[in-house]
């Protein structure tokens, strides 16, 4: 996964996708400055793969779902660049962030790069909110071993002392474009989040869920200034609070949670 014979560090942008025909072209277009654009598809039944190939991406299909970490680990098998930046199919790299990425990798240092999000919800950028994110997405390939976790997965590095750099410019995240999509995502993330807590031996219940949901809503809507973003800001914060509530409800009352895979 290295390219020591080249004069400059190269960059691979890796994208996970599943039925993202509507968004994948814009995502890949924003990543087209990279030396390698990889799409790992989880078995799309729409035109995601065809669109991605036409847009110039290298596409590999792994339709046996074992969690997000497993898909990222499969992506690593195909990386041929010095650096890897992970991008989701509902994200777009704006020009300012593109230039910052190019400048960071030009130094060729063993770093971890974290990104901040500018959420775009229900047709409106929530720019007045304090940025969410801080998720590690940029790695030098020779320092990255694997990912662990089924949702909100984390990187396992060769050394825990690799310095963390937070990129200044925000990544556009089109996470909640419609109420219907938000409900689908709610169901998926509730199941995965509950399964992770079950594996950790956590307890569930309505009161625990209510406390978790209320806490995250207050933090997002008031302290992160979601109230400045109108109805779209309220819906964004409310759906995340619902996800937190139903995780704990599902943990106690949904027995199928125990059959949800949480490891690679």
C-alpha atoms as a PDB file:
ATOM      1  CA  UNK A   1       0.000   0.000   0.000  1.00  0.00           C
ATOM      2  CA  UNK A   2       2.990   2.321  -0.363  1.00  0.00           C
ATOM      3  CA  UNK A   3       4.548   4.149  -3.262  1.00  0.00           C
ATOM      4  CA  UNK A   4       8.068   4.999  -2.124  1.00  0.00           C
ATOM      5  CA  UNK A   5       9.264   5.032  -5.723  1.00  0.00           C
ATOM      6  CA  UNK A   6       7.245   8.103  -6.595  1.00  0.00           C
ATOM      7  CA  UNK A   7       8.431  11.687  -6.137  1.00  0.00           C
ATOM      8  CA  UNK A   8       5.369  12.835  -4.212  1.00  0.00           C
ATOM      9  CA  UNK A   9       2.992  11.169  -1.792  1.00  0.00           C
ATOM     10  CA  UNK A  10      -0.093   9.824  -3.526  1.00  0.00           C
ATOM     11  CA  UNK A  11      -3.652   9.773  -2.250  1.00  0.00           C
ATOM     12  CA  UNK A  12      -6.411   7.205  -2.438  1.00  0.00           C
ATOM     13  CA  UNK A  13      -9.960   8.259  -1.588  1.00  0.00           C
ATOM     14  CA  UNK A  14     -12.053   5.303  -0.487  1.00  0.00           C
ATOM     15  CA  UNK A  15     -15.859   5.374  -0.570  1.00  0.00           C
ATOM     16  CA  UNK A  16     -18.333   2.923   0.950  1.00  0.00           C
ATOM     17  CA  UNK A  17     -21.626   2.694  -0.933  1.00  0.00           C
ATOM     18  CA  UNK A  18     -24.974   0.920  -0.893  1.00  0.00           C
ATOM     19  CA  UNK A  19     -27.801   2.066  -3.205  1.00  0.00           C
ATOM     20  CA  UNK A  20     -26.330   5.560  -3.576  1.00  0.00           C
ATOM     21  CA  UNK A  21     -27.171   6.147  -7.237  1.00  0.00           C
ATOM     22  CA  UNK A  22     -28.499   9.624  -6.497  1.00  0.00           C
ATOM     23  CA  UNK A  23     -25.402  10.901  -4.707  1.00  0.00           C
ATOM     24  CA  UNK A  24     -22.425   8.806  -5.809  1.00  0.00           C
ATOM     25  CA  UNK A  25     -21.565  10.848  -8.915  1.00  0.00           C
ATOM     26  CA  UNK A  26     -21.235  14.125  -6.985  1.00  0.00           C
ATOM     27  CA  UNK A  27     -19.212  12.356  -4.303  1.00  0.00           C
ATOM     28  CA  UNK A  28     -16.755  10.899  -6.826  1.00  0.00           C
ATOM     29  CA  UNK A  29     -16.504  14.171  -8.736  1.00  0.00           C
ATOM     30  CA  UNK A  30     -15.370  15.913  -5.568  1.00  0.00           C
ATOM     31  CA  UNK A  31     -12.740  13.188  -5.063  1.00  0.00           C
ATOM     32  CA  UNK A  32     -11.432  13.204  -8.636  1.00  0.00           C
ATOM     33  CA  UNK A  33      -8.215  15.041  -7.680  1.00  0.00           C
ATOM     34  CA  UNK A  34      -6.981  11.879  -5.919  1.00  0.00           C
ATOM     35  CA  UNK A  35      -4.593   9.437  -7.582  1.00  0.00           C
ATOM     36  CA  UNK A  36      -6.953   6.534  -6.878  1.00  0.00           C
ATOM     37  CA  UNK A  37     -10.696   6.588  -6.187  1.00  0.00           C
ATOM     38  CA  UNK A  38     -12.046   3.332  -4.749  1.00  0.00           C
ATOM     39  CA  UNK A  39     -15.691   2.422  -4.269  1.00  0.00           C
ATOM     40  CA  UNK A  40     -16.539  -0.577  -2.096  1.00  0.00           C
ATOM     41  CA  UNK A  41     -20.143  -1.493  -2.787  1.00  0.00           C
ATOM     42  CA  UNK A  42     -22.175  -3.569  -0.332  1.00  0.00           C
ATOM     43  CA  UNK A  43     -24.498  -5.089  -2.939  1.00  0.00           C
ATOM     44  CA  UNK A  44     -26.438  -2.205  -4.429  1.00  0.00           C
ATOM     45  CA  UNK A  45     -29.572  -3.049  -6.379  1.00  0.00           C
ATOM     46  CA  UNK A  46     -29.684   0.314  -8.159  1.00  0.00           C
ATOM     47  CA  UNK A  47     -27.176   1.836 -10.624  1.00  0.00           C
ATOM     48  CA  UNK A  48     -24.587   2.822  -8.019  1.00  0.00           C
ATOM     49  CA  UNK A  49     -21.817   0.623  -9.439  1.00  0.00           C
ATOM     50  CA  UNK A  50     -22.401   1.593 -13.070  1.00  0.00           C
ATOM     51  CA  UNK A  51     -22.481   5.299 -12.242  1.00  0.00           C
ATOM     52  CA  UNK A  52     -19.333   4.990 -10.141  1.00  0.00           C
ATOM     53  CA  UNK A  53     -17.438   3.232 -12.929  1.00  0.00           C
ATOM     54  CA  UNK A  54     -18.541   5.823 -15.485  1.00  0.00           C
ATOM     55  CA  UNK A  55     -17.352   8.540 -13.117  1.00  0.00           C
ATOM     56  CA  UNK A  56     -13.876   6.995 -13.126  1.00  0.00           C
ATOM     57  CA  UNK A  57     -13.838   5.080  -9.850  1.00  0.00           C
ATOM     58  CA  UNK A  58     -12.442   1.610  -9.290  1.00  0.00           C
ATOM     59  CA  UNK A  59     -15.363  -0.477  -8.004  1.00  0.00           C
ATOM     60  CA  UNK A  60     -15.309  -3.670  -5.950  1.00  0.00           C
ATOM     61  CA  UNK A  61     -18.447  -5.404  -4.696  1.00  0.00           C
ATOM     62  CA  UNK A  62     -18.598  -7.163  -1.316  1.00  0.00           C
ATOM     63  CA  UNK A  63     -22.228  -8.010  -0.759  1.00  0.00           C
ATOM     64  CA  UNK A  64     -21.816 -10.100   2.392  1.00  0.00           C
ATOM     65  CA  UNK A  65     -22.509  -7.473   5.034  1.00  0.00           C
ATOM     66  CA  UNK A  66     -20.453  -7.886   8.202  1.00  0.00           C
ATOM     67  CA  UNK A  67     -20.378  -4.285   9.383  1.00  0.00           C
ATOM     68  CA  UNK A  68     -18.734  -0.990   8.448  1.00  0.00           C
ATOM     69  CA  UNK A  69     -15.340  -2.011   9.813  1.00  0.00           C
ATOM     70  CA  UNK A  70     -15.314  -5.115   7.629  1.00  0.00           C
ATOM     71  CA  UNK A  71     -16.070  -3.028   4.540  1.00  0.00           C
ATOM     72  CA  UNK A  72     -13.296  -0.559   5.348  1.00  0.00           C
ATOM     73  CA  UNK A  73     -10.869  -3.442   5.860  1.00  0.00           C
ATOM     74  CA  UNK A  74     -11.851  -4.858   2.473  1.00  0.00           C
ATOM     75  CA  UNK A  75     -11.214  -1.452   0.954  1.00  0.00           C
ATOM     76  CA  UNK A  76      -7.696  -1.421   2.404  1.00  0.00           C
ATOM     77  CA  UNK A  77      -6.862  -4.514   0.348  1.00  0.00           C
ATOM     78  CA  UNK A  78      -7.114  -2.445  -2.844  1.00  0.00           C
ATOM     79  CA  UNK A  79      -5.269   0.727  -1.785  1.00  0.00           C
ATOM     80  CA  UNK A  80      -2.209   1.539  -3.914  1.00  0.00           C
ATOM     81  CA  UNK A  81      -1.357   4.973  -2.521  1.00  0.00           C
ATOM     82  CA  UNK A  82       0.733   6.463   0.238  1.00  0.00           C
ATOM     83  CA  UNK A  83      -2.282   8.039   1.962  1.00  0.00           C
ATOM     84  CA  UNK A  84      -5.896   6.958   2.348  1.00  0.00           C
ATOM     85  CA  UNK A  85      -8.815   9.314   2.950  1.00  0.00           C
ATOM     86  CA  UNK A  86     -12.192   7.754   3.705  1.00  0.00           C
ATOM     87  CA  UNK A  87     -15.265   9.423   2.229  1.00  0.00           C
ATOM     88  CA  UNK A  88     -18.888   8.391   2.581  1.00  0.00           C
ATOM     89  CA  UNK A  89     -21.172   8.374  -0.441  1.00  0.00           C
ATOM     90  CA  UNK A  90     -23.351  11.118   1.073  1.00  0.00           C
ATOM     91  CA  UNK A  91     -20.377  13.466   1.472  1.00  0.00           C
ATOM     92  CA  UNK A  92     -18.734  15.998  -0.850  1.00  0.00           C
ATOM     93  CA  UNK A  93     -15.233  17.467  -0.573  1.00  0.00           C
ATOM     94  CA  UNK A  94     -15.415  21.242  -1.182  1.00  0.00           C
ATOM     95  CA  UNK A  95     -12.482  22.961  -2.948  1.00  0.00           C
ATOM     96  CA  UNK A  96     -11.093  24.462   0.273  1.00  0.00           C
ATOM     97  CA  UNK A  97     -10.862  21.060   1.943  1.00  0.00           C
ATOM     98  CA  UNK A  98      -9.400  19.544  -1.231  1.00  0.00           C
ATOM     99  CA  UNK A  99      -6.551  22.080  -1.182  1.00  0.00           C
ATOM    100  CA  UNK A 100      -5.961  21.486   2.519  1.00  0.00           C
ATOM    101  CA  UNK A 101      -5.758  17.711   2.002  1.00  0.00           C
ATOM    102  CA  UNK A 102      -3.223  18.120  -0.795  1.00  0.00           C
ATOM    103  CA  UNK A 103      -1.095  20.397   1.396  1.00  0.00           C
ATOM    104  CA  UNK A 104      -1.207  18.038   4.382  1.00  0.00           C
ATOM    105  CA  UNK A 105      -0.131  14.917   2.498  1.00  0.00           C
ATOM    106  CA  UNK A 106       2.633  16.833   0.698  1.00  0.00           C
ATOM    107  CA  UNK A 107       4.525  16.852   4.019  1.00  0.00           C
ATOM    108  CA  UNK A 108       4.514  13.027   4.030  1.00  0.00           C
ATOM    109  CA  UNK A 109       4.263  12.748   7.815  1.00  0.00           C
ATOM    110  CA  UNK A 110       2.716   9.806   9.720  1.00  0.00           C
ATOM    111  CA  UNK A 111      -0.421  11.573  10.950  1.00  0.00           C
ATOM    112  CA  UNK A 112      -4.076  10.914  11.651  1.00  0.00           C
ATOM    113  CA  UNK A 113      -6.345  13.496  10.041  1.00  0.00           C
ATOM    114  CA  UNK A 114      -9.766  14.262  11.519  1.00  0.00           C
ATOM    115  CA  UNK A 115     -12.525  16.066   9.645  1.00  0.00           C
ATOM    116  CA  UNK A 116     -15.362  18.330  10.732  1.00  0.00           C
ATOM    117  CA  UNK A 117     -18.774  18.257   9.099  1.00  0.00           C
ATOM    118  CA  UNK A 118     -21.006  20.933   7.688  1.00  0.00           C
ATOM    119  CA  UNK A 119     -24.332  19.128   7.837  1.00  0.00           C
ATOM    120  CA  UNK A 120     -26.797  19.584   4.972  1.00  0.00           C
ATOM    121  CA  UNK A 121     -30.259  18.544   6.169  1.00  0.00           C
ATOM    122  CA  UNK A 122     -33.606  18.712   4.370  1.00  0.00           C
ATOM    123  CA  UNK A 123     -32.208  21.008   1.685  1.00  0.00           C
ATOM    124  CA  UNK A 124     -30.465  23.460   4.002  1.00  0.00           C
ATOM    125  CA  UNK A 125     -26.804  23.694   5.094  1.00  0.00           C
ATOM    126  CA  UNK A 126     -26.772  23.919   8.887  1.00  0.00           C
ATOM    127  CA  UNK A 127     -23.803  26.275   8.802  1.00  0.00           C
ATOM    128  CA  UNK A 128     -24.849  28.142  11.963  1.00  0.00           C
ATOM    129  CA  UNK A 129     -24.407  24.971  14.020  1.00  0.00           C
ATOM    130  CA  UNK A 130     -21.089  24.284  15.642  1.00  0.00           C
ATOM    131  CA  UNK A 131     -19.380  21.691  13.522  1.00  0.00           C
ATOM    132  CA  UNK A 132     -19.994  18.037  14.252  1.00  0.00           C
ATOM    133  CA  UNK A 133     -17.488  15.405  13.335  1.00  0.00           C
ATOM    134  CA  UNK A 134     -13.899  15.192  14.490  1.00  0.00           C
ATOM    135  CA  UNK A 135     -13.822  11.704  12.946  1.00  0.00           C
ATOM    136  CA  UNK A 136     -10.479  10.333  11.823  1.00  0.00           C
ATOM    137  CA  UNK A 137     -10.509   9.890   8.045  1.00  0.00           C
ATOM    138  CA  UNK A 138      -6.964  10.527   6.773  1.00  0.00           C
ATOM    139  CA  UNK A 139      -4.119   8.070   7.377  1.00  0.00           C
ATOM    140  CA  UNK A 140      -0.751   7.241   5.952  1.00  0.00           C
ATOM    141  CA  UNK A 141      -1.247   3.737   4.618  1.00  0.00           C
ATOM    142  CA  UNK A 142       1.762   2.183   6.309  1.00  0.00           C
ATOM    143  CA  UNK A 143       0.478   3.229   9.759  1.00  0.00           C
ATOM    144  CA  UNK A 144      -3.045   1.799   9.410  1.00  0.00           C
ATOM    145  CA  UNK A 145      -3.622  -1.824  10.423  1.00  0.00           C
ATOM    146  CA  UNK A 146      -7.403  -2.284  10.351  1.00  0.00           C
ATOM    147  CA  UNK A 147     -10.766  -1.025  11.550  1.00  0.00           C
ATOM    148  CA  UNK A 148     -12.879  -2.421  14.357  1.00  0.00           C
ATOM    149  CA  UNK A 149     -16.561  -1.901  15.218  1.00  0.00           C
ATOM    150  CA  UNK A 150     -19.823  -2.281  13.305  1.00  0.00           C
ATOM    151  CA  UNK A 151     -20.899   1.390  13.490  1.00  0.00           C
ATOM    152  CA  UNK A 152     -18.796   4.442  14.422  1.00  0.00           C
ATOM    153  CA  UNK A 153     -15.883   2.119  13.748  1.00  0.00           C
ATOM    154  CA  UNK A 154     -12.376   3.046  14.832  1.00  0.00           C
ATOM    155  CA  UNK A 155      -8.955   2.683  13.274  1.00  0.00           C
ATOM    156  CA  UNK A 156      -6.277   0.463  14.787  1.00  0.00           C
ATOM    157  CA  UNK A 157      -2.845   1.968  14.116  1.00  0.00           C
ATOM    158  CA  UNK A 158       0.694   0.610  14.364  1.00  0.00           C
ATOM    159  CA  UNK A 159       1.442   3.178  17.053  1.00  0.00           C
ATOM    160  CA  UNK A 160      -0.922   5.061  19.403  1.00  0.00           C
ATOM    161  CA  UNK A 161       1.461   8.019  19.423  1.00  0.00           C
ATOM    162  CA  UNK A 162       0.779   9.055  15.810  1.00  0.00           C
ATOM    163  CA  UNK A 163      -0.188  12.744  16.024  1.00  0.00           C
ATOM    164  CA  UNK A 164      -3.763  13.830  15.338  1.00  0.00           C
ATOM    165  CA  UNK A 165      -4.380  16.778  13.016  1.00  0.00           C
ATOM    166  CA  UNK A 166      -7.875  18.268  12.679  1.00  0.00           C
ATOM    167  CA  UNK A 167      -8.463  19.735   9.228  1.00  0.00           C
ATOM    168  CA  UNK A 168      -9.826  23.271   9.329  1.00  0.00           C
ATOM    169  CA  UNK A 169     -12.219  23.189   6.387  1.00  0.00           C
ATOM    170  CA  UNK A 170     -15.490  21.311   6.690  1.00  0.00           C
ATOM    171  CA  UNK A 171     -16.686  18.317   4.718  1.00  0.00           C
ATOM    172  CA  UNK A 172     -20.219  18.655   3.324  1.00  0.00           C
ATOM    173  CA  UNK A 173     -22.372  15.873   4.747  1.00  0.00           C
ATOM    174  CA  UNK A 174     -25.749  15.279   3.073  1.00  0.00           C
ATOM    175  CA  UNK A 175     -26.883  12.959   5.825  1.00  0.00           C
ATOM    176  CA  UNK A 176     -30.600  13.689   6.038  1.00  0.00           C
ATOM    177  CA  UNK A 177     -32.141  14.878   2.798  1.00  0.00           C
ATOM    178  CA  UNK A 178     -35.689  13.625   3.395  1.00  0.00           C
ATOM    179  CA  UNK A 179     -37.797  12.555   6.352  1.00  0.00           C
ATOM    180  CA  UNK A 180     -38.258   9.117   4.763  1.00  0.00           C
ATOM    181  CA  UNK A 181     -34.494   8.584   4.450  1.00  0.00           C
ATOM    182  CA  UNK A 182     -34.070   9.759   8.027  1.00  0.00           C
ATOM    183  CA  UNK A 183     -36.514   7.102   9.208  1.00  0.00           C
ATOM    184  CA  UNK A 184     -34.637   4.384   7.311  1.00  0.00           C
ATOM    185  CA  UNK A 185     -31.317   5.525   8.743  1.00  0.00           C
ATOM    186  CA  UNK A 186     -32.883   5.689  12.191  1.00  0.00           C
ATOM    187  CA  UNK A 187     -33.893   2.012  11.998  1.00  0.00           C
ATOM    188  CA  UNK A 188     -30.462   0.916  10.748  1.00  0.00           C
ATOM    189  CA  UNK A 189     -28.425   2.841  13.301  1.00  0.00           C
ATOM    190  CA  UNK A 190     -30.727   1.905  16.176  1.00  0.00           C
ATOM    191  CA  UNK A 191     -30.190  -1.798  15.445  1.00  0.00           C
ATOM    192  CA  UNK A 192     -26.433  -1.501  15.054  1.00  0.00           C
ATOM    193  CA  UNK A 193     -26.027   0.763  18.089  1.00  0.00           C
ATOM    194  CA  UNK A 194     -28.141  -1.531  20.269  1.00  0.00           C
ATOM    195  CA  UNK A 195     -26.160  -4.585  19.144  1.00  0.00           C
ATOM    196  CA  UNK A 196     -22.890  -2.895  20.053  1.00  0.00           C
ATOM    197  CA  UNK A 197     -24.194  -2.075  23.537  1.00  0.00           C
ATOM    198  CA  UNK A 198     -25.514  -5.601  23.969  1.00  0.00           C
ATOM    199  CA  UNK A 199     -22.055  -6.975  23.140  1.00  0.00           C
ATOM    200  CA  UNK A 200     -20.588  -4.646  25.773  1.00  0.00           C
ATOM    201  CA  UNK A 201     -23.041  -5.907  28.386  1.00  0.00           C
ATOM    202  CA  UNK A 202     -24.954  -2.637  28.647  1.00  0.00           C
ATOM    203  CA  UNK A 203     -28.489  -2.453  30.012  1.00  0.00           C
ATOM    204  CA  UNK A 204     -31.415  -1.006  28.066  1.00  0.00           C
ATOM    205  CA  UNK A 205     -34.831   0.376  28.812  1.00  0.00           C
ATOM    206  CA  UNK A 206     -37.161   3.289  28.207  1.00  0.00           C
ATOM    207  CA  UNK A 207     -35.817   5.500  30.998  1.00  0.00           C
ATOM    208  CA  UNK A 208     -32.210   5.030  29.893  1.00  0.00           C
ATOM    209  CA  UNK A 209     -33.230   5.814  26.341  1.00  0.00           C
ATOM    210  CA  UNK A 210     -35.178   8.898  27.371  1.00  0.00           C
ATOM    211  CA  UNK A 211     -32.206  10.222  29.335  1.00  0.00           C
ATOM    212  CA  UNK A 212     -29.791   9.582  26.472  1.00  0.00           C
ATOM    213  CA  UNK A 213     -32.106  11.136  23.872  1.00  0.00           C
ATOM    214  CA  UNK A 214     -32.850  14.214  25.970  1.00  0.00           C
ATOM    215  CA  UNK A 215     -29.172  14.804  26.705  1.00  0.00           C
ATOM    216  CA  UNK A 216     -28.118  14.659  23.054  1.00  0.00           C
ATOM    217  CA  UNK A 217     -31.008  16.872  21.960  1.00  0.00           C
ATOM    218  CA  UNK A 218     -30.090  19.570  24.499  1.00  0.00           C
ATOM    219  CA  UNK A 219     -26.456  19.380  23.466  1.00  0.00           C
ATOM    220  CA  UNK A 220     -27.151  19.641  19.735  1.00  0.00           C
ATOM    221  CA  UNK A 221     -30.106  22.015  19.710  1.00  0.00           C
ATOM    222  CA  UNK A 222     -28.904  24.463  22.336  1.00  0.00           C
ATOM    223  CA  UNK A 223     -25.160  24.130  22.935  1.00  0.00           C
ATOM    224  CA  UNK A 224     -24.296  23.379  19.289  1.00  0.00           C
ATOM    225  CA  UNK A 225     -26.775  26.041  18.137  1.00  0.00           C
ATOM    226  CA  UNK A 226     -29.179  23.896  16.147  1.00  0.00           C
ATOM    227  CA  UNK A 227     -31.917  26.354  17.115  1.00  0.00           C
ATOM    228  CA  UNK A 228     -30.307  28.907  14.780  1.00  0.00           C
ATOM    229  CA  UNK A 229     -31.053  26.670  11.770  1.00  0.00           C
ATOM    230  CA  UNK A 230     -34.847  26.820  11.787  1.00  0.00           C
ATOM    231  CA  UNK A 231     -37.104  23.823  11.320  1.00  0.00           C
ATOM    232  CA  UNK A 232     -34.372  21.923   9.484  1.00  0.00           C
ATOM    233  CA  UNK A 233     -32.101  22.275  12.497  1.00  0.00           C
ATOM    234  CA  UNK A 234     -34.843  21.030  14.822  1.00  0.00           C
ATOM    235  CA  UNK A 235     -35.532  17.970  12.669  1.00  0.00           C
ATOM    236  CA  UNK A 236     -31.836  17.143  12.456  1.00  0.00           C
ATOM    237  CA  UNK A 237     -31.386  17.278  16.243  1.00  0.00           C
ATOM    238  CA  UNK A 238     -34.678  15.480  16.916  1.00  0.00           C
ATOM    239  CA  UNK A 239     -33.873  12.501  14.695  1.00  0.00           C
ATOM    240  CA  UNK A 240     -30.496  12.024  16.380  1.00  0.00           C
ATOM    241  CA  UNK A 241     -32.226  12.170  19.776  1.00  0.00           C
ATOM    242  CA  UNK A 242     -34.721   9.551  18.605  1.00  0.00           C
ATOM    243  CA  UNK A 243     -31.851   7.313  17.541  1.00  0.00           C
ATOM    244  CA  UNK A 244     -30.352   7.552  21.035  1.00  0.00           C
ATOM    245  CA  UNK A 245     -33.715   6.770  22.648  1.00  0.00           C
ATOM    246  CA  UNK A 246     -34.557   3.764  20.491  1.00  0.00           C
ATOM    247  CA  UNK A 247     -31.090   2.220  20.887  1.00  0.00           C
ATOM    248  CA  UNK A 248     -31.815   1.596  24.547  1.00  0.00           C
ATOM    249  CA  UNK A 249     -35.429   0.625  23.908  1.00  0.00           C
ATOM    250  CA  UNK A 250     -34.324  -1.939  21.310  1.00  0.00           C
ATOM    251  CA  UNK A 251     -31.600  -3.188  23.621  1.00  0.00           C
ATOM    252  CA  UNK A 252     -34.224  -4.311  26.148  1.00  0.00           C
ATOM    253  CA  UNK A 253     -37.272  -5.133  24.036  1.00  0.00           C
ATOM    254  CA  UNK A 254     -35.942  -6.307  20.644  1.00  0.00           C
ATOM    255  CA  UNK A 255     -34.427  -9.790  20.861  1.00  0.00           C
ATOM    256  CA  UNK A 256     -33.149  -9.661  17.259  1.00  0.00           C
ATOM    257  CA  UNK A 257     -30.465  -7.262  18.488  1.00  0.00           C
ATOM    258  CA  UNK A 258     -28.555 -10.258  19.817  1.00  0.00           C
ATOM    259  CA  UNK A 259     -28.223 -11.642  16.282  1.00  0.00           C
ATOM    260  CA  UNK A 260     -26.765  -8.468  14.776  1.00  0.00           C
ATOM    261  CA  UNK A 261     -23.012  -8.823  14.022  1.00  0.00           C
ATOM    262  CA  UNK A 262     -20.794  -6.336  15.840  1.00  0.00           C
ATOM    263  CA  UNK A 263     -17.329  -7.545  14.832  1.00  0.00           C
ATOM    264  CA  UNK A 264     -15.455  -8.139  11.624  1.00  0.00           C
END
